[in-house]
Amino acid sequence: MPYHSDTSQAHRTPGETAARAVRVIPAVDLYLGTVTIVARNRTLLFRHPHPQEIAKALARAVRPSTWCEVSRTLTVTVAATGKRDGQPQLFALGGREEA
């Protein structure tokens, strides 16, 4: 049987590869208003003006959350009526701090 290699990676540019989202388990501190994400062996700490919204979305999550470092976007897919795969909620995180 001939060997068929996967060449899908060969056609991607470095920007496309970097922009891919990774699965994460974010930690939300409601008192401090921070979101901590451990991704690619680094701990990232961000401020968010409404951490309660993120916590509520995480409580209703139906899929793993994803993090896109380039756009600093946390995506939480929540249950939604009429949406079998759920409805993604995007949270733009800013104000990065040292963890």
PDB file of N, CA and C in Angstrom:
ATOM      1  N   MET A   1       0.833  -1.170   0.000  1.00  0.00           N
ATOM      2  CA  MET A   1       0.000   0.000   0.000  1.00  0.00           C
ATOM      3  C   MET A   1       0.884   1.241   0.000  1.00  0.00           C
ATOM      4  N   PRO A   2       0.649   2.186  -0.902  1.00  0.00           N
ATOM      5  CA  PRO A   2       1.496   3.377  -0.980  1.00  0.00           C
ATOM      6  C   PRO A   2       1.285   4.299   0.223  1.00  0.00           C
ATOM      7  N   TYR A   3       2.300   5.036   0.562  1.00  0.00           N
ATOM      8  CA  TYR A   3       2.262   5.973   1.675  1.00  0.00           C
ATOM      9  C   TYR A   3       1.713   7.306   1.186  1.00  0.00           C
ATOM     10  N   HIS A   4       0.698   7.817   1.846  1.00  0.00           N
ATOM     11  CA  HIS A   4       0.117   9.116   1.510  1.00  0.00           C
ATOM     12  C   HIS A   4       0.337  10.041   2.699  1.00  0.00           C
ATOM     13  N   SER A   5       1.178  11.033   2.518  1.00  0.00           N
ATOM     14  CA  SER A   5       1.447  11.957   3.612  1.00  0.00           C
ATOM     15  C   SER A   5       0.439  13.097   3.592  1.00  0.00           C
ATOM     16  N   ASP A   6       0.291  13.720   4.738  1.00  0.00           N
ATOM     17  CA  ASP A   6      -0.612  14.866   4.865  1.00  0.00           C
ATOM     18  C   ASP A   6       0.157  16.119   4.476  1.00  0.00           C
ATOM     19  N   THR A   7      -0.222  16.745   3.385  1.00  0.00           N
ATOM     20  CA  THR A   7       0.474  17.955   2.929  1.00  0.00           C
ATOM     21  C   THR A   7      -0.308  19.212   3.258  1.00  0.00           C
ATOM     22  N   SER A   8      -1.367  19.115   4.047  1.00  0.00           N
ATOM     23  CA  SER A   8      -2.170  20.291   4.360  1.00  0.00           C
ATOM     24  C   SER A   8      -1.371  21.337   5.124  1.00  0.00           C
ATOM     25  N   GLN A   9      -0.410  20.936   5.931  1.00  0.00           N
ATOM     26  CA  GLN A   9       0.416  21.876   6.675  1.00  0.00           C
ATOM     27  C   GLN A   9       1.379  22.628   5.761  1.00  0.00           C
ATOM     28  N   ALA A  10       1.764  22.024   4.649  1.00  0.00           N
ATOM     29  CA  ALA A  10       2.758  22.626   3.773  1.00  0.00           C
ATOM     30  C   ALA A  10       2.251  23.886   3.087  1.00  0.00           C
ATOM     31  N   HIS A  11       0.960  24.044   2.938  1.00  0.00           N
ATOM     32  CA  HIS A  11       0.406  25.189   2.229  1.00  0.00           C
ATOM     33  C   HIS A  11       0.005  26.326   3.147  1.00  0.00           C
ATOM     34  N   ARG A  12       0.226  26.203   4.426  1.00  0.00           N
ATOM     35  CA  ARG A  12      -0.142  27.248   5.371  1.00  0.00           C
ATOM     36  C   ARG A  12       0.998  28.233   5.535  1.00  0.00           C
ATOM     37  N   THR A  13       0.633  29.498   5.676  1.00  0.00           N
ATOM     38  CA  THR A  13       1.629  30.526   5.943  1.00  0.00           C
ATOM     39  C   THR A  13       1.828  30.614   7.450  1.00  0.00           C
ATOM     40  N   PRO A  14       2.946  31.208   7.897  1.00  0.00           N
ATOM     41  CA  PRO A  14       3.164  31.326   9.345  1.00  0.00           C
ATOM     42  C   PRO A  14       2.044  32.092  10.044  1.00  0.00           C
ATOM     43  N   GLY A  15       1.455  33.095   9.383  1.00  0.00           N
ATOM     44  CA  GLY A  15       0.364  33.854   9.988  1.00  0.00           C
ATOM     45  C   GLY A  15      -0.860  33.008  10.210  1.00  0.00           C
ATOM     46  N   GLU A  16      -1.173  32.122   9.277  1.00  0.00           N
ATOM     47  CA  GLU A  16      -2.329  31.248   9.430  1.00  0.00           C
ATOM     48  C   GLU A  16      -2.117  30.268  10.571  1.00  0.00           C
ATOM     49  N   THR A  17      -0.905  29.758  10.691  1.00  0.00           N
ATOM     50  CA  THR A  17      -0.613  28.803  11.759  1.00  0.00           C
ATOM     51  C   THR A  17      -0.693  29.486  13.118  1.00  0.00           C
ATOM     52  N   ALA A  18      -0.167  30.715  13.223  1.00  0.00           N
ATOM     53  CA  ALA A  18      -0.181  31.434  14.492  1.00  0.00           C
ATOM     54  C   ALA A  18      -1.586  31.857  14.887  1.00  0.00           C
ATOM     55  N   ALA A  19      -2.443  32.092  13.907  1.00  0.00           N
ATOM     56  CA  ALA A  19      -3.788  32.571  14.194  1.00  0.00           C
ATOM     57  C   ALA A  19      -4.727  31.447  14.624  1.00  0.00           C
ATOM     58  N   ARG A  20      -4.293  30.228  14.569  1.00  0.00           N
ATOM     59  CA  ARG A  20      -5.157  29.106  14.959  1.00  0.00           C
ATOM     60  C   ARG A  20      -5.419  29.147  16.450  1.00  0.00           C
ATOM     61  N   ALA A  21      -6.614  28.777  16.801  1.00  0.00           N
ATOM     62  CA  ALA A  21      -7.019  28.781  18.202  1.00  0.00           C
ATOM     63  C   ALA A  21      -6.636  27.463  18.864  1.00  0.00           C
ATOM     64  N   VAL A  22      -6.313  27.545  20.145  1.00  0.00           N
ATOM     65  CA  VAL A  22      -5.987  26.355  20.931  1.00  0.00           C
ATOM     66  C   VAL A  22      -7.023  26.189  22.032  1.00  0.00           C
ATOM     67  N   ARG A  23      -7.278  24.953  22.418  1.00  0.00           N
ATOM     68  CA  ARG A  23      -8.221  24.680  23.498  1.00  0.00           C
ATOM     69  C   ARG A  23      -7.598  25.040  24.838  1.00  0.00           C
ATOM     70  N   VAL A  24      -8.385  25.689  25.665  1.00  0.00           N
ATOM     71  CA  VAL A  24      -7.901  26.131  26.974  1.00  0.00           C
ATOM     72  C   VAL A  24      -9.004  25.965  28.022  1.00  0.00           C
ATOM     73  N   ILE A  25      -8.600  26.005  29.273  1.00  0.00           N
ATOM     74  CA  ILE A  25      -9.543  26.074  30.389  1.00  0.00           C
ATOM     75  C   ILE A  25      -9.216  27.378  31.114  1.00  0.00           C
ATOM     76  N   PRO A  26      -9.993  28.432  30.857  1.00  0.00           N
ATOM     77  CA  PRO A  26      -9.696  29.720  31.486  1.00  0.00           C
ATOM     78  C   PRO A  26     -10.136  29.748  32.946  1.00  0.00           C
ATOM     79  N   ALA A  27      -9.399  30.497  33.739  1.00  0.00           N
ATOM     80  CA  ALA A  27      -9.756  30.713  35.140  1.00  0.00           C
ATOM     81  C   ALA A  27     -10.171  32.173  35.282  1.00  0.00           C
ATOM     82  N   VAL A  28     -11.355  32.406  35.829  1.00  0.00           N
ATOM     83  CA  VAL A  28     -11.893  33.752  35.961  1.00  0.00           C
ATOM     84  C   VAL A  28     -11.919  34.137  37.445  1.00  0.00           C
ATOM     85  N   ASP A  29     -11.304  35.261  37.764  1.00  0.00           N
ATOM     86  CA  ASP A  29     -11.322  35.791  39.126  1.00  0.00           C
ATOM     87  C   ASP A  29     -12.329  36.941  39.138  1.00  0.00           C
ATOM     88  N   LEU A  30     -13.503  36.708  39.711  1.00  0.00           N
ATOM     89  CA  LEU A  30     -14.555  37.718  39.716  1.00  0.00           C
ATOM     90  C   LEU A  30     -14.208  38.912  40.597  1.00  0.00           C
ATOM     91  N   TYR A  31     -13.439  38.689  41.633  1.00  0.00           N
ATOM     92  CA  TYR A  31     -13.077  39.774  42.553  1.00  0.00           C
ATOM     93  C   TYR A  31     -12.095  40.740  41.891  1.00  0.00           C
ATOM     94  N   LEU A  32     -11.062  40.206  41.249  1.00  0.00           N
ATOM     95  CA  LEU A  32     -10.053  41.049  40.610  1.00  0.00           C
ATOM     96  C   LEU A  32     -10.413  41.446  39.177  1.00  0.00           C
ATOM     97  N   GLY A  33     -11.355  40.726  38.575  1.00  0.00           N
ATOM     98  CA  GLY A  33     -11.729  41.015  37.192  1.00  0.00           C
ATOM     99  C   GLY A  33     -10.690  40.548  36.192  1.00  0.00           C
ATOM    100  N   THR A  34     -10.043  39.425  36.510  1.00  0.00           N
ATOM    101  CA  THR A  34      -8.996  38.911  35.627  1.00  0.00           C
ATOM    102  C   THR A  34      -9.371  37.551  35.064  1.00  0.00           C
ATOM    103  N   VAL A  35      -8.763  37.253  33.923  1.00  0.00           N
ATOM    104  CA  VAL A  35      -8.916  35.952  33.284  1.00  0.00           C
ATOM    105  C   VAL A  35      -7.513  35.397  33.079  1.00  0.00           C
ATOM    106  N   THR A  36      -7.268  34.198  33.591  1.00  0.00           N
ATOM    107  CA  THR A  36      -5.976  33.548  33.445  1.00  0.00           C
ATOM    108  C   THR A  36      -6.107  32.404  32.460  1.00  0.00           C
ATOM    109  N   ILE A  37      -5.180  32.363  31.502  1.00  0.00           N
ATOM    110  CA  ILE A  37      -5.178  31.324  30.484  1.00  0.00           C
ATOM    111  C   ILE A  37      -3.792  30.704  30.425  1.00  0.00           C
ATOM    112  N   VAL A  38      -3.738  29.384  30.489  1.00  0.00           N
ATOM    113  CA  VAL A  38      -2.481  28.674  30.312  1.00  0.00           C
ATOM    114  C   VAL A  38      -2.499  28.085  28.911  1.00  0.00           C
ATOM    115  N   ALA A  39      -1.626  28.596  28.049  1.00  0.00           N
ATOM    116  CA  ALA A  39      -1.573  28.148  26.657  1.00  0.00           C
ATOM    117  C   ALA A  39      -0.131  28.100  26.205  1.00  0.00           C
ATOM    118  N   ARG A  40       0.219  27.031  25.542  1.00  0.00           N
ATOM    119  CA  ARG A  40       1.570  26.861  24.982  1.00  0.00           C
ATOM    120  C   ARG A  40       2.651  27.056  26.050  1.00  0.00           C
ATOM    121  N   ASN A  41       2.418  26.442  27.200  1.00  0.00           N
ATOM    122  CA  ASN A  41       3.369  26.446  28.324  1.00  0.00           C
ATOM    123  C   ASN A  41       3.637  27.844  28.870  1.00  0.00           C
ATOM    124  N   ARG A  42       2.687  28.758  28.681  1.00  0.00           N
ATOM    125  CA  ARG A  42       2.807  30.097  29.251  1.00  0.00           C
ATOM    126  C   ARG A  42       1.519  30.418  29.985  1.00  0.00           C
ATOM    127  N   THR A  43       1.650  31.182  31.055  1.00  0.00           N
ATOM    128  CA  THR A  43       0.481  31.641  31.793  1.00  0.00           C
ATOM    129  C   THR A  43       0.233  33.091  31.421  1.00  0.00           C
ATOM    130  N   LEU A  44      -0.956  33.356  30.871  1.00  0.00           N
ATOM    131  CA  LEU A  44      -1.321  34.697  30.436  1.00  0.00           C
ATOM    132  C   LEU A  44      -2.414  35.231  31.351  1.00  0.00           C
ATOM    133  N   LEU A  45      -2.295  36.477  31.750  1.00  0.00           N
ATOM    134  CA  LEU A  45      -3.254  37.096  32.655  1.00  0.00           C
ATOM    135  C   LEU A  45      -3.799  38.351  31.986  1.00  0.00           C
ATOM    136  N   PHE A  46      -5.127  38.453  31.899  1.00  0.00           N
ATOM    137  CA  PHE A  46      -5.772  39.578  31.239  1.00  0.00           C
ATOM    138  C   PHE A  46      -6.840  40.166  32.138  1.00  0.00           C
ATOM    139  N   ARG A  47      -7.133  41.432  31.940  1.00  0.00           N
ATOM    140  CA  ARG A  47      -8.245  42.089  32.611  1.00  0.00           C
ATOM    141  C   ARG A  47      -9.439  42.084  31.671  1.00  0.00           C
ATOM    142  N   HIS A  48     -10.629  42.003  32.252  1.00  0.00           N
ATOM    143  CA  HIS A  48     -11.852  42.091  31.467  1.00  0.00           C
ATOM    144  C   HIS A  48     -12.849  42.909  32.271  1.00  0.00           C
ATOM    145  N   PRO A  49     -13.552  43.865  31.620  1.00  0.00           N
ATOM    146  CA  PRO A  49     -14.466  44.725  32.380  1.00  0.00           C
ATOM    147  C   PRO A  49     -15.678  43.992  32.953  1.00  0.00           C
ATOM    148  N   HIS A  50     -16.055  42.855  32.364  1.00  0.00           N
ATOM    149  CA  HIS A  50     -17.222  42.107  32.829  1.00  0.00           C
ATOM    150  C   HIS A  50     -16.887  40.622  32.982  1.00  0.00           C
ATOM    151  N   PRO A  51     -16.102  40.271  33.994  1.00  0.00           N
ATOM    152  CA  PRO A  51     -15.731  38.866  34.161  1.00  0.00           C
ATOM    153  C   PRO A  51     -16.925  37.969  34.471  1.00  0.00           C
ATOM    154  N   GLN A  52     -18.015  38.559  34.995  1.00  0.00           N
ATOM    155  CA  GLN A  52     -19.208  37.766  35.294  1.00  0.00           C
ATOM    156  C   GLN A  52     -19.789  37.160  34.026  1.00  0.00           C
ATOM    157  N   GLU A  53     -19.726  37.889  32.906  1.00  0.00           N
ATOM    158  CA  GLU A  53     -20.245  37.372  31.636  1.00  0.00           C
ATOM    159  C   GLU A  53     -19.466  36.143  31.183  1.00  0.00           C
ATOM    160  N   ILE A  54     -18.164  36.179  31.367  1.00  0.00           N
ATOM    161  CA  ILE A  54     -17.333  35.033  30.991  1.00  0.00           C
ATOM    162  C   ILE A  54     -17.659  33.846  31.894  1.00  0.00           C
ATOM    163  N   ALA A  55     -17.799  34.097  33.194  1.00  0.00           N
ATOM    164  CA  ALA A  55     -18.115  33.020  34.135  1.00  0.00           C
ATOM    165  C   ALA A  55     -19.469  32.388  33.811  1.00  0.00           C
ATOM    166  N   LYS A  56     -20.460  33.212  33.460  1.00  0.00           N
ATOM    167  CA  LYS A  56     -21.778  32.681  33.103  1.00  0.00           C
ATOM    168  C   LYS A  56     -21.690  31.832  31.827  1.00  0.00           C
ATOM    169  N   ALA A  57     -20.925  32.307  30.856  1.00  0.00           N
ATOM    170  CA  ALA A  57     -20.767  31.553  29.604  1.00  0.00           C
ATOM    171  C   ALA A  57     -20.059  30.227  29.867  1.00  0.00           C
ATOM    172  N   LEU A  58     -19.045  30.232  30.709  1.00  0.00           N
ATOM    173  CA  LEU A  58     -18.328  28.996  31.029  1.00  0.00           C
ATOM    174  C   LEU A  58     -19.244  27.997  31.741  1.00  0.00           C
ATOM    175  N   ALA A  59     -20.174  28.505  32.534  1.00  0.00           N
ATOM    176  CA  ALA A  59     -21.113  27.612  33.229  1.00  0.00           C
ATOM    177  C   ALA A  59     -22.076  26.946  32.246  1.00  0.00           C
ATOM    178  N   ARG A  60     -22.318  27.588  31.098  1.00  0.00           N
ATOM    179  CA  ARG A  60     -23.233  27.038  30.091  1.00  0.00           C
ATOM    180  C   ARG A  60     -22.502  26.425  28.903  1.00  0.00           C
ATOM    181  N   ALA A  61     -21.201  26.280  28.984  1.00  0.00           N
ATOM    182  CA  ALA A  61     -20.400  25.796  27.853  1.00  0.00           C
ATOM    183  C   ALA A  61     -20.757  24.369  27.467  1.00  0.00           C
ATOM    184  N   VAL A  62     -20.813  24.126  26.155  1.00  0.00           N
ATOM    185  CA  VAL A  62     -21.105  22.785  25.648  1.00  0.00           C
ATOM    186  C   VAL A  62     -19.925  22.215  24.866  1.00  0.00           C
ATOM    187  N   ARG A  63     -18.892  23.005  24.681  1.00  0.00           N
ATOM    188  CA  ARG A  63     -17.675  22.579  23.992  1.00  0.00           C
ATOM    189  C   ARG A  63     -16.476  23.196  24.712  1.00  0.00           C
ATOM    190  N   PRO A  64     -15.285  22.666  24.468  1.00  0.00           N
ATOM    191  CA  PRO A  64     -14.103  23.280  25.080  1.00  0.00           C
ATOM    192  C   PRO A  64     -13.908  24.721  24.598  1.00  0.00           C
ATOM    193  N   SER A  65     -13.454  25.572  25.485  1.00  0.00           N
ATOM    194  CA  SER A  65     -13.165  26.954  25.124  1.00  0.00           C
ATOM    195  C   SER A  65     -11.891  27.004  24.300  1.00  0.00           C
ATOM    196  N   THR A  66     -11.797  28.009  23.422  1.00  0.00           N
ATOM    197  CA  THR A  66     -10.596  28.174  22.605  1.00  0.00           C
ATOM    198  C   THR A  66     -10.044  29.578  22.781  1.00  0.00           C
ATOM    199  N   TRP A  67      -8.748  29.693  22.567  1.00  0.00           N
ATOM    200  CA  TRP A  67      -8.023  30.951  22.725  1.00  0.00           C
ATOM    201  C   TRP A  67      -7.233  31.231  21.457  1.00  0.00           C
ATOM    202  N   CYS A  68      -7.389  32.431  20.909  1.00  0.00           N
ATOM    203  CA  CYS A  68      -6.599  32.869  19.761  1.00  0.00           C
ATOM    204  C   CYS A  68      -5.697  33.981  20.249  1.00  0.00           C
ATOM    205  N   GLU A  69      -4.407  33.718  20.284  1.00  0.00           N
ATOM    206  CA  GLU A  69      -3.450  34.669  20.846  1.00  0.00           C
ATOM    207  C   GLU A  69      -3.298  35.911  19.983  1.00  0.00           C
ATOM    208  N   VAL A  70      -3.388  35.767  18.673  1.00  0.00           N
ATOM    209  CA  VAL A  70      -3.203  36.898  17.770  1.00  0.00           C
ATOM    210  C   VAL A  70      -4.279  37.957  17.985  1.00  0.00           C
ATOM    211  N   SER A  71      -5.528  37.523  18.076  1.00  0.00           N
ATOM    212  CA  SER A  71      -6.625  38.482  18.252  1.00  0.00           C
ATOM    213  C   SER A  71      -7.016  38.670  19.715  1.00  0.00           C
ATOM    214  N   ARG A  72      -6.370  37.934  20.615  1.00  0.00           N
ATOM    215  CA  ARG A  72      -6.669  37.955  22.053  1.00  0.00           C
ATOM    216  C   ARG A  72      -8.154  37.713  22.297  1.00  0.00           C
ATOM    217  N   THR A  73      -8.668  36.666  21.648  1.00  0.00           N
ATOM    218  CA  THR A  73     -10.084  36.354  21.743  1.00  0.00           C
ATOM    219  C   THR A  73     -10.296  34.996  22.394  1.00  0.00           C
ATOM    220  N   LEU A  74     -11.127  34.989  23.422  1.00  0.00           N
ATOM    221  CA  LEU A  74     -11.549  33.758  24.076  1.00  0.00           C
ATOM    222  C   LEU A  74     -12.924  33.422  23.524  1.00  0.00           C
ATOM    223  N   THR A  75     -13.088  32.198  23.007  1.00  0.00           N
ATOM    224  CA  THR A  75     -14.357  31.765  22.457  1.00  0.00           C
ATOM    225  C   THR A  75     -14.939  30.678  23.344  1.00  0.00           C
ATOM    226  N   VAL A  76     -16.149  30.917  23.826  1.00  0.00           N
ATOM    227  CA  VAL A  76     -16.864  29.958  24.659  1.00  0.00           C
ATOM    228  C   VAL A  76     -18.144  29.593  23.915  1.00  0.00           C
ATOM    229  N   THR A  77     -18.313  28.324  23.588  1.00  0.00           N
ATOM    230  CA  THR A  77     -19.515  27.872  22.886  1.00  0.00           C
ATOM    231  C   THR A  77     -20.544  27.426  23.910  1.00  0.00           C
ATOM    232  N   VAL A  78     -21.696  28.111  23.895  1.00  0.00           N
ATOM    233  CA  VAL A  78     -22.742  27.850  24.884  1.00  0.00           C
ATOM    234  C   VAL A  78     -23.955  27.206  24.226  1.00  0.00           C
ATOM    235  N   ALA A  79     -24.788  26.583  25.043  1.00  0.00           N
ATOM    236  CA  ALA A  79     -26.012  25.971  24.552  1.00  0.00           C
ATOM    237  C   ALA A  79     -26.943  27.059  24.038  1.00  0.00           C
ATOM    238  N   ALA A  80     -27.611  26.760  22.908  1.00  0.00           N
ATOM    239  CA  ALA A  80     -28.558  27.713  22.329  1.00  0.00           C
ATOM    240  C   ALA A  80     -29.688  26.948  21.650  1.00  0.00           C
ATOM    241  N   THR A  81     -30.889  27.441  21.802  1.00  0.00           N
ATOM    242  CA  THR A  81     -32.060  26.815  21.196  1.00  0.00           C
ATOM    243  C   THR A  81     -31.951  26.866  19.683  1.00  0.00           C
ATOM    244  N   GLY A  82     -32.140  25.719  19.044  1.00  0.00           N
ATOM    245  CA  GLY A  82     -32.096  25.643  17.594  1.00  0.00           C
ATOM    246  C   GLY A  82     -30.695  25.549  17.015  1.00  0.00           C
ATOM    247  N   LYS A  83     -29.678  25.547  17.847  1.00  0.00           N
ATOM    248  CA  LYS A  83     -28.289  25.453  17.396  1.00  0.00           C
ATOM    249  C   LYS A  83     -27.695  24.175  17.957  1.00  0.00           C
ATOM    250  N   ARG A  84     -27.632  23.152  17.128  1.00  0.00           N
ATOM    251  CA  ARG A  84     -27.158  21.853  17.603  1.00  0.00           C
ATOM    252  C   ARG A  84     -25.722  21.908  18.112  1.00  0.00           C
ATOM    253  N   ASP A  85     -24.880  22.690  17.451  1.00  0.00           N
ATOM    254  CA  ASP A  85     -23.480  22.792  17.847  1.00  0.00           C
ATOM    255  C   ASP A  85     -23.226  23.902  18.858  1.00  0.00           C
ATOM    256  N   GLY A  86     -24.278  24.576  19.281  1.00  0.00           N
ATOM    257  CA  GLY A  86     -24.124  25.662  20.238  1.00  0.00           C
ATOM    258  C   GLY A  86     -23.850  26.983  19.546  1.00  0.00           C
ATOM    259  N   GLN A  87     -23.844  28.037  20.338  1.00  0.00           N
ATOM    260  CA  GLN A  87     -23.614  29.392  19.842  1.00  0.00           C
ATOM    261  C   GLN A  87     -22.303  29.920  20.430  1.00  0.00           C
ATOM    262  N   PRO A  88     -21.311  30.255  19.585  1.00  0.00           N
ATOM    263  CA  PRO A  88     -20.058  30.789  20.132  1.00  0.00           C
ATOM    264  C   PRO A  88     -20.235  32.205  20.669  1.00  0.00           C
ATOM    265  N   GLN A  89     -19.669  32.455  21.826  1.00  0.00           N
ATOM    266  CA  GLN A  89     -19.606  33.793  22.397  1.00  0.00           C
ATOM    267  C   GLN A  89     -18.141  34.197  22.434  1.00  0.00           C
ATOM    268  N   LEU A  90     -17.844  35.345  21.876  1.00  0.00           N
ATOM    269  CA  LEU A  90     -16.469  35.832  21.795  1.00  0.00           C
ATOM    270  C   LEU A  90     -16.229  36.887  22.862  1.00  0.00           C
ATOM    271  N   PHE A  91     -15.085  36.775  23.522  1.00  0.00           N
ATOM    272  CA  PHE A  91     -14.686  37.744  24.534  1.00  0.00           C
ATOM    273  C   PHE A  91     -13.294  38.263  24.181  1.00  0.00           C
ATOM    274  N   ALA A  92     -13.228  39.551  23.861  1.00  0.00           N
ATOM    275  CA  ALA A  92     -11.933  40.167  23.549  1.00  0.00           C
ATOM    276  C   ALA A  92     -11.273  40.540  24.880  1.00  0.00           C
ATOM    277  N   LEU A  93     -10.099  40.002  25.106  1.00  0.00           N
ATOM    278  CA  LEU A  93      -9.384  40.256  26.346  1.00  0.00           C
ATOM    279  C   LEU A  93      -8.273  41.256  26.079  1.00  0.00           C
ATOM    280  N   GLY A  94      -8.129  42.203  26.956  1.00  0.00           N
ATOM    281  CA  GLY A  94      -7.076  43.205  26.805  1.00  0.00           C
ATOM    282  C   GLY A  94      -6.417  43.469  28.129  1.00  0.00           C
ATOM    283  N   GLY A  95      -5.463  44.370  28.122  1.00  0.00           N
ATOM    284  CA  GLY A  95      -4.792  44.718  29.356  1.00  0.00           C
ATOM    285  C   GLY A  95      -3.992  43.577  29.939  1.00  0.00           C
ATOM    286  N   ARG A  96      -3.126  42.990  29.122  1.00  0.00           N
ATOM    287  CA  ARG A  96      -2.328  41.858  29.582  1.00  0.00           C
ATOM    288  C   ARG A  96      -1.412  42.280  30.728  1.00  0.00           C
ATOM    289  N   GLU A  97      -1.335  41.399  31.708  1.00  0.00           N
ATOM    290  CA  GLU A  97      -0.482  41.633  32.877  1.00  0.00           C
ATOM    291  C   GLU A  97       0.465  40.465  33.045  1.00  0.00           C
ATOM    292  N   GLU A  98       1.465  40.669  33.864  1.00  0.00           N
ATOM    293  CA  GLU A  98       2.393  39.584  34.171  1.00  0.00           C
ATOM    294  C   GLU A  98       1.742  38.632  35.154  1.00  0.00           C
ATOM    295  N   ALA A  99       1.864  37.330  34.880  1.00  0.00           N
ATOM    296  CA  ALA A  99       1.262  36.339  35.773  1.00  0.00           C
ATOM    297  C   ALA A  99       2.260  35.831  36.778  1.00  0.00           C
TER     298      ALA A  99
END
